[in-house]
N, C-alpha and C. Protein backbone atom coordinates (compact mmCIF):
# COMPACT_ATOMS: atom_id res chain seq x y z
N MET A 1 -14.56 -20.89 -1.11
CA MET A 1 -13.34 -21.56 -1.56
C MET A 1 -12.84 -22.31 -0.34
N SER A 2 -12.31 -23.56 -0.60
CA SER A 2 -11.73 -24.40 0.43
C SER A 2 -10.57 -23.79 1.18
N GLN A 3 -10.36 -24.11 2.43
CA GLN A 3 -9.22 -23.81 3.01
C GLN A 3 -7.90 -24.19 2.33
N GLY A 4 -7.81 -25.43 1.64
CA GLY A 4 -6.84 -25.91 0.87
C GLY A 4 -6.58 -25.11 -0.24
N GLY A 5 -7.57 -24.83 -0.94
CA GLY A 5 -7.53 -23.82 -2.19
C GLY A 5 -7.04 -22.46 -1.90
N LEU A 6 -7.45 -21.93 -0.88
CA LEU A 6 -6.88 -20.32 -0.62
C LEU A 6 -5.36 -20.58 -0.06
N THR A 7 -4.90 -21.63 0.53
CA THR A 7 -3.63 -21.78 1.16
C THR A 7 -2.63 -21.99 -0.19
N GLU A 8 -3.26 -22.97 -1.00
CA GLU A 8 -2.48 -23.26 -2.08
C GLU A 8 -2.10 -21.97 -2.98
N LYS A 9 -3.13 -21.31 -3.26
CA LYS A 9 -3.26 -20.09 -4.07
C LYS A 9 -2.15 -19.17 -3.64
N TYR A 10 -2.14 -18.96 -2.35
CA TYR A 10 -1.31 -17.79 -1.62
C TYR A 10 0.05 -18.37 -1.66
N LEU A 11 0.25 -19.51 -1.37
CA LEU A 11 1.64 -20.09 -1.30
C LEU A 11 2.37 -20.03 -2.89
N ALA A 12 1.58 -20.48 -3.80
CA ALA A 12 1.99 -20.32 -5.17
C ALA A 12 2.49 -18.79 -5.51
N ILE A 13 1.68 -18.03 -5.17
CA ILE A 13 2.11 -16.49 -5.32
C ILE A 13 3.43 -16.27 -4.66
N ARG A 14 3.19 -16.51 -3.28
CA ARG A 14 4.42 -16.10 -2.61
C ARG A 14 5.75 -16.73 -3.06
N ASN A 15 5.85 -17.98 -3.42
CA ASN A 15 6.86 -18.85 -4.01
C ASN A 15 7.38 -18.48 -5.28
N SER A 16 6.68 -17.58 -6.07
CA SER A 16 6.96 -16.95 -7.25
C SER A 16 7.36 -15.78 -7.29
N ILE A 17 7.37 -15.14 -6.12
CA ILE A 17 7.76 -13.72 -5.92
C ILE A 17 9.19 -13.50 -5.14
N PRO A 18 10.08 -12.87 -5.64
CA PRO A 18 11.39 -12.67 -4.97
C PRO A 18 11.29 -12.51 -3.37
N ALA A 19 12.01 -12.94 -2.46
CA ALA A 19 11.70 -13.01 -1.15
C ALA A 19 11.92 -11.50 -0.51
N HIS A 20 12.67 -10.54 -1.18
CA HIS A 20 12.63 -9.17 -0.66
C HIS A 20 11.61 -8.38 -1.16
N VAL A 21 10.50 -8.79 -1.73
CA VAL A 21 9.14 -8.34 -2.06
C VAL A 21 8.08 -8.81 -0.94
N SER A 22 7.52 -7.66 -0.53
CA SER A 22 6.52 -7.78 0.30
C SER A 22 5.18 -7.93 -0.16
N ILE A 23 4.33 -9.11 0.30
CA ILE A 23 2.86 -8.91 -0.32
C ILE A 23 1.99 -8.22 0.65
N VAL A 24 1.11 -7.43 0.19
CA VAL A 24 0.10 -6.89 0.94
C VAL A 24 -1.23 -7.66 0.42
N ALA A 25 -1.85 -8.48 1.19
CA ALA A 25 -2.85 -9.15 0.95
C ALA A 25 -4.27 -8.46 0.84
N VAL A 26 -4.90 -8.10 -0.27
CA VAL A 26 -5.85 -7.15 -0.11
C VAL A 26 -6.97 -7.88 0.15
N SER A 27 -7.70 -7.52 1.27
CA SER A 27 -8.64 -8.55 1.88
C SER A 27 -10.08 -7.81 1.94
N LYS A 28 -10.16 -6.67 1.23
CA LYS A 28 -11.41 -5.99 1.26
C LYS A 28 -12.72 -6.75 0.59
N PHE A 29 -13.68 -6.84 1.33
CA PHE A 29 -14.92 -7.38 1.03
C PHE A 29 -14.85 -8.93 1.26
N HIS A 30 -13.77 -9.43 1.62
CA HIS A 30 -13.60 -10.89 1.99
C HIS A 30 -13.77 -10.97 3.31
N PRO A 31 -14.53 -12.35 3.50
CA PRO A 31 -14.92 -12.58 5.26
C PRO A 31 -13.55 -12.80 5.93
N ILE A 32 -13.75 -12.92 7.20
CA ILE A 32 -12.74 -13.11 8.08
C ILE A 32 -12.11 -14.54 7.98
N GLU A 33 -13.02 -15.59 7.89
CA GLU A 33 -12.47 -16.75 7.64
C GLU A 33 -11.43 -16.99 6.58
N SER A 34 -11.67 -16.35 5.40
CA SER A 34 -10.55 -16.40 4.40
C SER A 34 -9.38 -15.62 4.71
N ILE A 35 -9.60 -14.49 5.51
CA ILE A 35 -8.32 -13.77 6.09
C ILE A 35 -7.65 -14.82 6.78
N LYS A 36 -8.28 -15.38 7.75
CA LYS A 36 -7.44 -16.35 8.83
C LYS A 36 -6.69 -17.49 8.14
N GLN A 37 -7.30 -18.09 7.12
CA GLN A 37 -6.68 -19.09 6.26
C GLN A 37 -5.40 -18.63 5.66
N VAL A 38 -5.41 -17.39 4.96
CA VAL A 38 -4.15 -16.91 4.41
C VAL A 38 -3.20 -16.48 5.47
N TYR A 39 -3.70 -16.01 6.65
CA TYR A 39 -2.85 -15.72 7.72
C TYR A 39 -2.16 -17.00 8.12
N ASP A 40 -2.83 -18.07 8.49
CA ASP A 40 -2.22 -19.31 8.85
C ASP A 40 -1.37 -19.76 7.93
N ALA A 41 -1.38 -19.35 6.64
CA ALA A 41 -0.42 -20.06 5.60
C ALA A 41 0.80 -19.16 5.78
N GLY A 42 0.78 -18.00 6.41
CA GLY A 42 2.21 -17.31 6.63
C GLY A 42 2.10 -15.76 6.26
N GLN A 43 0.94 -15.19 5.85
CA GLN A 43 0.76 -14.00 5.44
C GLN A 43 0.23 -13.13 6.66
N HIS A 44 1.12 -12.07 6.84
CA HIS A 44 0.81 -11.12 8.10
C HIS A 44 0.70 -9.56 7.92
N ILE A 45 0.66 -9.35 6.40
CA ILE A 45 0.30 -8.08 6.04
C ILE A 45 -1.00 -7.89 5.17
N PHE A 46 -1.95 -7.38 5.73
CA PHE A 46 -3.17 -7.17 4.84
C PHE A 46 -3.61 -5.92 4.71
N GLY A 47 -4.26 -5.44 3.54
CA GLY A 47 -4.60 -4.31 3.02
C GLY A 47 -6.02 -4.09 2.92
N GLU A 48 -6.57 -2.84 3.44
CA GLU A 48 -7.83 -2.68 3.10
C GLU A 48 -8.20 -1.38 2.54
N ASN A 49 -9.26 -1.01 1.86
CA ASN A 49 -9.72 -0.11 0.99
C ASN A 49 -10.56 0.97 1.88
N ARG A 50 -11.33 0.17 2.82
CA ARG A 50 -12.12 1.33 3.50
C ARG A 50 -12.04 1.29 4.95
N VAL A 51 -11.99 2.39 5.48
CA VAL A 51 -11.55 2.47 7.10
C VAL A 51 -12.77 1.61 8.01
N GLN A 52 -13.94 1.90 7.65
CA GLN A 52 -15.03 1.22 8.41
C GLN A 52 -14.68 -0.23 8.34
N GLU A 53 -14.46 -0.83 7.45
CA GLU A 53 -13.93 -2.42 7.31
C GLU A 53 -13.06 -2.76 7.91
N LEU A 54 -11.84 -1.95 7.82
CA LEU A 54 -10.61 -2.26 8.61
C LEU A 54 -10.91 -2.25 10.05
N VAL A 55 -11.71 -1.11 10.47
CA VAL A 55 -12.02 -0.92 11.96
C VAL A 55 -12.77 -2.19 12.61
N GLU A 56 -13.62 -2.75 11.62
CA GLU A 56 -14.43 -3.91 12.21
C GLU A 56 -13.66 -5.22 11.94
N LYS A 57 -12.61 -5.28 11.19
CA LYS A 57 -12.20 -6.59 11.11
C LYS A 57 -10.73 -6.83 11.98
N LYS A 58 -10.37 -5.78 12.37
CA LYS A 58 -9.09 -5.69 13.32
C LYS A 58 -9.35 -6.43 14.54
N PRO A 59 -10.45 -6.44 15.32
CA PRO A 59 -10.37 -6.89 16.69
C PRO A 59 -10.70 -8.46 16.49
N LEU A 60 -10.87 -8.95 15.36
CA LEU A 60 -11.62 -10.22 14.79
C LEU A 60 -10.32 -11.10 14.48
N LEU A 61 -9.39 -10.47 14.44
CA LEU A 61 -8.15 -11.29 13.84
C LEU A 61 -6.90 -11.18 14.53
N PRO A 62 -5.83 -12.13 14.54
CA PRO A 62 -4.68 -11.89 15.10
C PRO A 62 -4.16 -10.69 15.49
N PRO A 63 -3.72 -10.36 16.72
CA PRO A 63 -3.15 -8.94 16.91
C PRO A 63 -1.82 -8.78 16.15
N ASP A 64 -1.04 -9.76 15.47
CA ASP A 64 0.02 -9.45 15.06
C ASP A 64 0.10 -9.30 13.52
N ILE A 65 -1.18 -9.01 13.11
CA ILE A 65 -1.28 -8.67 11.88
C ILE A 65 -0.98 -7.15 11.56
N GLU A 66 -0.11 -6.84 10.46
CA GLU A 66 0.17 -5.60 10.04
C GLU A 66 -1.08 -5.06 9.09
N TRP A 67 -1.88 -3.92 9.71
CA TRP A 67 -2.80 -3.73 8.75
C TRP A 67 -2.40 -2.29 7.94
N HIS A 68 -2.58 -2.43 6.79
CA HIS A 68 -1.99 -1.30 5.79
C HIS A 68 -3.49 -0.58 5.24
N MET A 69 -3.60 0.62 4.99
CA MET A 69 -4.71 1.17 4.52
C MET A 69 -4.15 1.65 3.14
N ILE A 70 -4.82 1.08 2.12
CA ILE A 70 -4.33 1.25 0.70
C ILE A 70 -5.41 1.97 -0.14
N GLY A 71 -6.43 2.26 0.39
CA GLY A 71 -7.66 3.03 -0.43
C GLY A 71 -7.65 4.45 -0.33
N THR A 72 -8.33 5.10 -0.90
CA THR A 72 -8.59 6.72 -0.65
C THR A 72 -8.82 6.98 0.86
N LEU A 73 -8.29 7.89 1.41
CA LEU A 73 -8.37 7.99 3.15
C LEU A 73 -8.75 9.55 3.16
N GLN A 74 -10.22 9.59 3.51
CA GLN A 74 -10.67 11.08 3.92
C GLN A 74 -10.03 11.41 5.07
N SER A 75 -9.85 12.84 5.27
CA SER A 75 -9.37 13.45 6.34
C SER A 75 -10.13 13.01 7.84
N ASN A 76 -11.34 13.00 7.56
CA ASN A 76 -12.18 12.97 8.67
C ASN A 76 -12.10 11.40 9.14
N LYS A 77 -11.65 10.57 8.44
CA LYS A 77 -11.57 9.07 9.04
C LYS A 77 -10.24 8.73 9.62
N VAL A 78 -9.31 9.50 9.55
CA VAL A 78 -7.93 9.26 9.96
C VAL A 78 -7.84 8.81 11.33
N LYS A 79 -8.83 9.35 11.99
CA LYS A 79 -8.77 9.47 13.81
C LYS A 79 -9.04 7.79 14.03
N TYR A 80 -9.84 7.18 13.04
CA TYR A 80 -10.51 5.95 13.38
C TYR A 80 -9.32 4.74 13.35
N ILE A 81 -8.25 5.07 12.34
CA ILE A 81 -7.19 4.06 12.27
C ILE A 81 -5.88 4.47 12.81
N ALA A 82 -5.81 5.76 13.20
CA ALA A 82 -4.49 6.28 13.93
C ALA A 82 -3.91 5.58 14.96
N PRO A 83 -4.68 4.95 15.81
CA PRO A 83 -4.26 4.21 16.97
C PRO A 83 -3.33 2.89 16.58
N PHE A 84 -3.69 2.31 15.40
CA PHE A 84 -3.00 1.16 15.10
C PHE A 84 -2.46 0.64 13.70
N VAL A 85 -2.69 1.83 12.62
CA VAL A 85 -2.37 1.29 11.44
C VAL A 85 -0.92 1.20 11.20
N SER A 86 -0.53 0.30 10.55
CA SER A 86 1.03 -0.02 10.48
C SER A 86 1.48 0.88 9.35
N LEU A 87 0.79 0.99 8.00
CA LEU A 87 1.18 1.89 7.13
C LEU A 87 0.06 2.20 6.12
N ILE A 88 0.25 3.47 5.95
CA ILE A 88 -0.89 4.18 5.12
C ILE A 88 -0.32 4.37 3.56
N HIS A 89 -0.73 3.95 2.72
CA HIS A 89 -0.22 3.87 1.29
C HIS A 89 -0.61 4.92 0.32
N SER A 90 -1.93 5.31 0.81
CA SER A 90 -2.57 6.47 -0.01
C SER A 90 -2.62 8.01 0.59
N VAL A 91 -1.50 8.59 0.91
CA VAL A 91 -1.28 9.63 1.15
C VAL A 91 -1.23 10.73 -0.02
N ASP A 92 -2.22 11.09 -0.43
CA ASP A 92 -2.51 11.88 -1.75
C ASP A 92 -2.46 13.26 -1.65
N SER A 93 -2.09 13.99 -0.63
CA SER A 93 -2.26 15.38 -0.47
C SER A 93 -1.51 16.10 0.56
N PRO A 94 -0.92 17.10 0.69
CA PRO A 94 -0.22 17.78 1.81
C PRO A 94 -1.43 17.79 2.83
N LYS A 95 -2.79 18.21 2.41
CA LYS A 95 -3.77 18.49 3.65
C LYS A 95 -3.78 17.08 4.26
N LEU A 96 -4.04 15.99 3.80
CA LEU A 96 -3.97 14.48 4.42
C LEU A 96 -2.76 14.39 5.33
N LEU A 97 -1.71 14.87 4.89
CA LEU A 97 -0.52 14.63 5.87
C LEU A 97 -0.66 15.21 7.10
N VAL A 98 -1.23 16.59 7.01
CA VAL A 98 -1.37 17.49 7.96
C VAL A 98 -2.32 16.80 9.15
N GLU A 99 -3.47 16.22 8.64
CA GLU A 99 -4.41 15.43 9.51
C GLU A 99 -3.81 14.14 10.23
N ILE A 100 -3.06 13.40 9.29
CA ILE A 100 -2.57 12.23 9.84
C ILE A 100 -1.39 12.49 10.84
N ASN A 101 -0.80 13.72 10.58
CA ASN A 101 0.37 14.11 11.68
C ASN A 101 -0.45 14.59 13.07
N LYS A 102 -1.58 15.30 12.92
CA LYS A 102 -2.34 15.47 13.94
C LYS A 102 -2.96 14.34 14.95
N GLN A 103 -3.50 13.29 14.18
CA GLN A 103 -3.99 12.17 14.91
C GLN A 103 -2.86 11.43 15.42
N ALA A 104 -1.76 11.36 14.82
CA ALA A 104 -0.62 10.63 15.33
C ALA A 104 0.02 11.26 16.54
N GLN A 105 -0.01 12.45 16.57
CA GLN A 105 0.50 13.22 17.75
C GLN A 105 -0.59 12.77 19.01
N LYS A 106 -1.93 12.87 18.68
CA LYS A 106 -2.85 12.53 19.58
C LYS A 106 -2.85 11.19 20.35
N ASN A 107 -2.17 10.49 19.41
CA ASN A 107 -2.10 8.72 19.90
C ASN A 107 -0.57 8.53 20.48
N ASN A 108 0.19 9.54 20.32
CA ASN A 108 1.64 9.57 20.66
C ASN A 108 2.42 8.39 19.88
N ARG A 109 2.22 8.36 18.65
CA ARG A 109 2.92 7.54 17.91
C ARG A 109 3.38 8.04 16.62
N VAL A 110 4.23 7.75 15.90
CA VAL A 110 4.59 8.13 14.68
C VAL A 110 3.90 7.08 13.59
N ILE A 111 3.37 7.64 12.55
CA ILE A 111 2.52 6.87 11.48
C ILE A 111 3.28 6.64 10.39
N ASN A 112 3.75 5.40 9.69
CA ASN A 112 4.49 5.48 8.61
C ASN A 112 3.45 5.66 7.52
N CYS A 113 4.03 6.16 6.47
CA CYS A 113 3.12 6.53 5.06
C CYS A 113 4.03 6.55 4.06
N LEU A 114 3.20 6.14 2.94
CA LEU A 114 3.78 6.08 1.35
C LEU A 114 2.97 7.57 0.81
N LEU A 115 3.87 8.27 0.28
CA LEU A 115 3.12 9.22 -0.86
C LEU A 115 2.70 8.47 -2.10
N GLU A 116 1.33 8.78 -2.13
CA GLU A 116 0.70 8.27 -3.48
C GLU A 116 0.96 9.21 -4.66
N VAL A 117 1.60 8.66 -5.56
CA VAL A 117 2.15 9.44 -6.71
C VAL A 117 1.09 9.06 -7.99
N HIS A 118 0.58 10.15 -8.67
CA HIS A 118 -0.13 9.84 -9.94
C HIS A 118 0.68 9.51 -11.15
N ILE A 119 1.05 8.50 -11.34
CA ILE A 119 1.74 8.08 -12.67
C ILE A 119 1.00 7.42 -13.64
N ALA A 120 -0.37 7.20 -13.52
CA ALA A 120 -1.39 6.87 -14.53
C ALA A 120 -1.83 7.86 -15.48
N LYS A 121 -2.11 7.56 -16.55
CA LYS A 121 -2.77 8.47 -17.60
C LYS A 121 -4.34 8.69 -17.25
N GLU A 122 -4.80 7.94 -16.48
CA GLU A 122 -6.18 8.07 -15.98
C GLU A 122 -6.54 9.05 -15.07
N GLU A 123 -7.32 10.00 -15.23
CA GLU A 123 -7.70 11.16 -14.53
C GLU A 123 -8.23 10.60 -12.91
N SER A 124 -8.89 9.56 -13.12
CA SER A 124 -9.54 9.17 -11.90
C SER A 124 -8.75 8.79 -10.81
N LYS A 125 -7.40 8.64 -11.04
CA LYS A 125 -6.54 8.17 -9.98
C LYS A 125 -5.96 9.44 -9.37
N SER A 126 -5.80 9.27 -7.99
CA SER A 126 -5.41 10.57 -7.31
C SER A 126 -3.96 10.39 -6.98
N GLY A 127 -3.37 11.38 -6.36
CA GLY A 127 -1.94 11.57 -5.86
C GLY A 127 -1.20 12.63 -6.27
N PHE A 128 -0.12 12.85 -5.65
CA PHE A 128 0.82 13.81 -6.14
C PHE A 128 1.27 13.63 -7.33
N SER A 129 1.46 14.66 -8.19
CA SER A 129 2.20 14.43 -9.48
C SER A 129 3.61 14.34 -8.84
N LEU A 130 4.31 13.61 -10.05
CA LEU A 130 5.93 13.42 -9.84
C LEU A 130 6.53 14.71 -9.44
N GLN A 131 6.25 15.73 -9.96
CA GLN A 131 6.79 17.08 -9.68
C GLN A 131 6.63 17.46 -8.33
N GLU A 132 5.41 17.05 -7.93
CA GLU A 132 4.96 17.63 -6.72
C GLU A 132 5.61 16.69 -5.41
N ALA A 133 5.51 15.58 -5.89
CA ALA A 133 6.36 14.29 -4.84
C ALA A 133 7.58 14.89 -4.87
N ASP A 134 8.48 15.34 -5.85
CA ASP A 134 9.78 15.53 -5.99
C ASP A 134 10.12 16.59 -4.97
N ALA A 135 9.20 17.71 -5.36
CA ALA A 135 9.40 18.95 -4.37
C ALA A 135 9.37 18.68 -3.00
N PHE A 136 8.04 17.84 -2.71
CA PHE A 136 7.90 17.64 -1.12
C PHE A 136 9.11 16.95 -0.56
N LEU A 137 9.47 15.74 -1.42
CA LEU A 137 10.68 14.91 -0.73
C LEU A 137 11.87 15.80 -0.46
N PHE A 138 12.20 16.71 -1.51
CA PHE A 138 13.22 17.54 -1.42
C PHE A 138 13.36 18.34 -0.07
N ASP A 139 12.32 19.01 0.15
CA ASP A 139 12.29 20.01 1.36
C ASP A 139 11.94 19.25 2.60
N VAL A 140 12.73 18.97 3.22
CA VAL A 140 12.45 18.01 4.49
C VAL A 140 11.87 18.75 5.56
N SER A 141 11.95 20.09 5.37
CA SER A 141 11.46 21.04 6.46
C SER A 141 9.83 20.93 6.43
N ASN A 142 9.21 20.33 5.29
CA ASN A 142 7.84 19.96 4.99
C ASN A 142 7.37 18.79 5.72
N HIS A 143 8.39 18.00 6.21
CA HIS A 143 8.04 16.77 6.77
C HIS A 143 7.53 16.78 8.15
N PRO A 144 6.17 16.29 8.44
CA PRO A 144 5.50 16.39 9.91
C PRO A 144 6.24 15.48 10.74
N SER A 145 6.64 16.01 11.99
CA SER A 145 7.21 15.26 12.85
C SER A 145 6.81 13.91 13.44
N TYR A 146 5.41 13.75 13.22
CA TYR A 146 4.82 12.57 13.77
C TYR A 146 4.38 11.55 12.65
N ILE A 147 4.92 11.87 11.61
CA ILE A 147 4.89 11.04 10.14
C ILE A 147 6.15 10.48 9.78
N LYS A 148 6.47 9.40 9.35
CA LYS A 148 7.67 8.79 8.88
C LYS A 148 7.18 8.42 7.38
N ILE A 149 7.81 9.11 6.35
CA ILE A 149 7.65 9.04 4.97
C ILE A 149 8.56 7.75 4.88
N LYS A 150 8.02 6.51 4.57
CA LYS A 150 8.51 5.13 4.24
C LYS A 150 8.76 4.98 2.88
N GLY A 151 8.39 5.65 2.00
CA GLY A 151 8.45 5.31 0.42
C GLY A 151 7.39 5.91 -0.29
N LEU A 152 7.15 5.34 -1.55
CA LEU A 152 6.07 5.83 -2.44
C LEU A 152 5.18 4.75 -2.99
N MET A 153 3.78 5.13 -3.39
CA MET A 153 2.84 4.08 -3.94
C MET A 153 2.34 4.76 -5.35
N GLY A 154 2.45 4.00 -6.27
CA GLY A 154 1.71 4.31 -7.41
C GLY A 154 1.07 3.21 -8.22
N MET A 155 -0.05 3.48 -8.84
CA MET A 155 -0.80 2.59 -9.78
C MET A 155 -0.81 3.00 -11.19
N ALA A 156 -0.27 1.91 -11.83
CA ALA A 156 -0.35 2.28 -13.41
C ALA A 156 -1.74 2.22 -14.14
N THR A 157 -1.67 2.65 -15.28
CA THR A 157 -2.72 2.71 -16.02
C THR A 157 -3.45 1.33 -16.29
N PHE A 158 -4.79 1.13 -16.12
CA PHE A 158 -5.33 -0.27 -16.30
C PHE A 158 -5.30 -0.30 -17.91
N THR A 159 -4.32 -0.93 -18.56
CA THR A 159 -4.16 -1.02 -20.04
C THR A 159 -3.57 -2.41 -20.38
N ASN A 160 -3.80 -2.87 -21.58
CA ASN A 160 -2.92 -4.05 -22.02
C ASN A 160 -1.56 -3.69 -22.54
N ASP A 161 -1.50 -2.43 -22.76
CA ASP A 161 -0.22 -1.84 -23.36
C ASP A 161 1.06 -2.22 -22.15
N VAL A 162 1.76 -3.05 -22.26
CA VAL A 162 2.84 -3.44 -21.39
C VAL A 162 3.99 -2.34 -21.20
N GLN A 163 4.04 -1.74 -22.35
CA GLN A 163 5.19 -0.89 -22.37
C GLN A 163 4.90 0.41 -21.78
N GLN A 164 3.60 0.89 -21.78
CA GLN A 164 3.16 2.11 -20.97
C GLN A 164 3.07 1.73 -19.49
N VAL A 165 2.63 0.49 -19.22
CA VAL A 165 2.85 0.11 -17.79
C VAL A 165 4.12 0.14 -17.19
N ARG A 166 4.92 -0.36 -18.12
CA ARG A 166 6.57 -0.48 -17.63
C ARG A 166 7.10 1.00 -17.45
N SER A 167 6.66 1.97 -18.53
CA SER A 167 7.20 3.28 -18.33
C SER A 167 6.62 4.04 -17.20
N GLU A 168 5.55 3.71 -16.87
CA GLU A 168 4.82 4.46 -15.54
C GLU A 168 5.55 3.95 -14.33
N PHE A 169 5.72 2.70 -14.15
CA PHE A 169 6.44 2.21 -13.07
C PHE A 169 7.80 2.67 -12.85
N LYS A 170 8.37 2.64 -14.10
CA LYS A 170 9.76 3.17 -14.26
C LYS A 170 10.00 4.58 -13.52
N SER A 171 9.04 5.34 -14.10
CA SER A 171 9.09 6.89 -13.75
C SER A 171 9.19 7.02 -12.12
N LEU A 172 8.19 6.25 -11.51
CA LEU A 172 8.00 6.26 -9.98
C LEU A 172 9.40 5.59 -9.42
N ALA A 173 9.87 4.57 -9.97
CA ALA A 173 11.09 3.98 -9.25
C ALA A 173 12.38 4.83 -9.69
N THR A 174 12.37 5.66 -10.49
CA THR A 174 13.50 6.60 -10.64
C THR A 174 13.37 7.71 -9.50
N LEU A 175 12.05 8.32 -9.21
CA LEU A 175 11.99 8.98 -8.13
C LEU A 175 12.34 8.39 -6.72
N TYR A 176 11.85 7.28 -6.55
CA TYR A 176 12.13 6.52 -5.24
C TYR A 176 13.73 6.47 -5.08
N LYS A 177 14.28 6.02 -6.26
CA LYS A 177 15.76 5.79 -5.95
C LYS A 177 16.45 7.23 -5.89
N LYS A 178 15.87 8.24 -6.40
CA LYS A 178 16.62 9.57 -6.14
C LYS A 178 16.79 9.83 -4.52
N TYR A 179 15.74 9.62 -3.71
CA TYR A 179 15.70 10.01 -2.43
C TYR A 179 15.74 8.59 -1.31
N GLN A 180 15.87 7.54 -1.99
CA GLN A 180 15.97 6.08 -1.18
C GLN A 180 17.02 6.37 -0.03
N GLN A 181 18.35 6.81 -0.40
CA GLN A 181 19.46 6.90 0.46
C GLN A 181 19.22 7.99 1.63
N THR A 182 19.05 9.00 1.08
CA THR A 182 19.11 10.35 1.79
C THR A 182 17.74 10.56 2.84
N LEU A 183 16.71 9.86 2.48
CA LEU A 183 15.45 9.76 3.39
C LEU A 183 15.34 8.48 3.89
N GLY A 184 16.02 7.55 3.72
CA GLY A 184 15.99 6.24 4.14
C GLY A 184 14.53 5.70 3.70
N LEU A 185 14.10 5.66 2.51
CA LEU A 185 12.89 5.17 2.11
C LEU A 185 13.00 3.55 1.99
N GLU A 186 12.07 3.09 2.59
CA GLU A 186 12.27 1.51 2.40
C GLU A 186 11.25 0.77 1.50
N TYR A 187 9.99 1.51 1.13
CA TYR A 187 9.03 0.59 0.19
C TYR A 187 8.74 1.42 -1.02
N LEU A 188 8.77 0.63 -1.99
CA LEU A 188 8.16 1.32 -3.28
C LEU A 188 7.05 0.21 -3.70
N SER A 189 5.85 0.75 -3.32
CA SER A 189 4.72 -0.10 -3.55
C SER A 189 4.07 0.12 -4.93
N MET A 190 4.29 -0.88 -5.65
CA MET A 190 3.85 -0.75 -6.90
C MET A 190 3.48 -2.30 -7.56
N GLY A 191 2.21 -2.26 -8.29
CA GLY A 191 1.98 -3.51 -8.64
C GLY A 191 0.62 -4.19 -8.04
N MET A 192 -0.24 -4.59 -8.80
CA MET A 192 -1.54 -5.42 -8.20
C MET A 192 -1.59 -6.81 -8.80
N SER A 193 -2.70 -7.51 -8.66
CA SER A 193 -2.82 -8.58 -9.19
C SER A 193 -2.61 -8.58 -10.97
N ASN A 194 -3.11 -7.70 -11.55
CA ASN A 194 -2.91 -7.65 -12.95
C ASN A 194 -1.50 -7.36 -13.51
N ASP A 195 -0.57 -6.62 -12.58
CA ASP A 195 0.55 -6.16 -13.36
C ASP A 195 1.81 -6.40 -12.32
N TYR A 196 1.58 -7.04 -11.26
CA TYR A 196 2.65 -7.10 -10.44
C TYR A 196 4.09 -7.80 -10.78
N GLN A 197 4.03 -8.59 -11.80
CA GLN A 197 5.38 -9.00 -12.20
C GLN A 197 6.11 -7.79 -12.87
N ILE A 198 5.47 -7.14 -13.87
CA ILE A 198 6.03 -5.71 -14.47
C ILE A 198 6.62 -4.81 -13.26
N ALA A 199 5.69 -4.64 -12.28
CA ALA A 199 6.41 -3.64 -11.34
C ALA A 199 7.65 -4.36 -10.51
N ILE A 200 7.52 -5.55 -10.27
CA ILE A 200 8.82 -6.34 -9.73
C ILE A 200 10.08 -5.92 -10.52
N GLU A 201 9.65 -6.15 -11.86
CA GLU A 201 10.89 -6.19 -12.77
C GLU A 201 11.51 -4.69 -12.79
N GLU A 202 10.47 -3.48 -12.32
CA GLU A 202 10.71 -2.24 -12.63
C GLU A 202 11.26 -1.70 -11.02
N GLY A 203 11.35 -2.58 -10.16
CA GLY A 203 12.03 -2.31 -9.07
C GLY A 203 11.09 -2.35 -7.73
N SER A 204 9.71 -2.62 -7.71
CA SER A 204 8.79 -2.79 -6.79
C SER A 204 9.28 -3.65 -5.70
N ASN A 205 9.23 -3.29 -4.32
CA ASN A 205 9.49 -4.30 -3.31
C ASN A 205 8.11 -4.39 -2.51
N MET A 206 7.19 -4.04 -2.93
CA MET A 206 5.78 -4.28 -2.13
C MET A 206 4.56 -4.32 -3.12
N VAL A 207 3.99 -5.44 -3.27
CA VAL A 207 2.88 -5.40 -4.14
C VAL A 207 1.58 -5.90 -3.67
N ARG A 208 0.44 -5.33 -4.07
CA ARG A 208 -0.95 -5.32 -3.52
C ARG A 208 -1.52 -6.34 -4.30
N ILE A 209 -1.82 -7.68 -3.63
CA ILE A 209 -2.55 -8.73 -4.32
C ILE A 209 -3.94 -9.10 -3.70
N GLY A 210 -4.92 -9.01 -4.31
CA GLY A 210 -6.23 -9.55 -3.78
C GLY A 210 -6.89 -10.67 -4.65
N SER A 211 -7.32 -10.47 -5.80
CA SER A 211 -8.05 -11.44 -6.35
C SER A 211 -7.30 -12.64 -6.77
N LEU A 212 -6.07 -12.67 -7.04
CA LEU A 212 -5.35 -13.88 -7.06
C LEU A 212 -5.17 -14.86 -6.18
N ILE A 213 -5.38 -14.09 -4.92
CA ILE A 213 -5.32 -14.94 -3.71
C ILE A 213 -6.51 -15.31 -3.35
N PHE A 214 -7.55 -14.45 -3.11
CA PHE A 214 -8.79 -14.59 -2.47
C PHE A 214 -9.84 -15.18 -3.48
N GLY A 215 -9.55 -14.72 -4.90
CA GLY A 215 -10.59 -15.03 -5.69
C GLY A 215 -11.27 -13.71 -6.06
N GLU A 216 -12.35 -13.70 -6.94
CA GLU A 216 -13.11 -12.35 -7.25
C GLU A 216 -14.03 -12.30 -6.11
N ARG A 217 -14.13 -11.06 -5.80
CA ARG A 217 -15.44 -10.69 -4.75
C ARG A 217 -16.57 -10.97 -5.16
N LYS A 218 -17.47 -11.32 -4.08
CA LYS A 218 -18.85 -11.68 -4.70
C LYS A 218 -19.75 -10.49 -4.51
């Protein structure tokens, strides 16, 4: 895709989304040149699904990019991104929290995280149940000292049933609002290329958009 084409697509999306909603440009499998074009258009938050790809891309791109880990994260891979990752969206278990905390301490930094909550009807999606996330957030003594829980992330069922998608997003937004003030939560990460408008209507302030910006991956 031409530089102008990528820039226009990104700006059209950015201008159509409320200013308070952050865009995470999902750059997995897309080349450095494409990421740089979107960066030059004003986008400084990029999300990757795989640790290896994230680690390879980081040194080749501007140092002020905020790198978000949005894909499933294995405990044995945390150490590779712990020195620099800005936000981990996919914290789907207490075990993973323990490992992130351990690696954050080794790097003498606090790592910002989102709890991934399983709101979809699809069993393939992972995360805390709504009840598990509620219990974890309620008991602050569980919160590791080198991790800052910055909010929640959830993926709706991949379906054409708009009401189902809306209901799933609403359930996560309700949990987010319950703890937003007491825990200082900042991010409700809901919505991707196919459903981000609904997510924003239900309270999302961070959307993960890939194909609408970069086109379909080859």
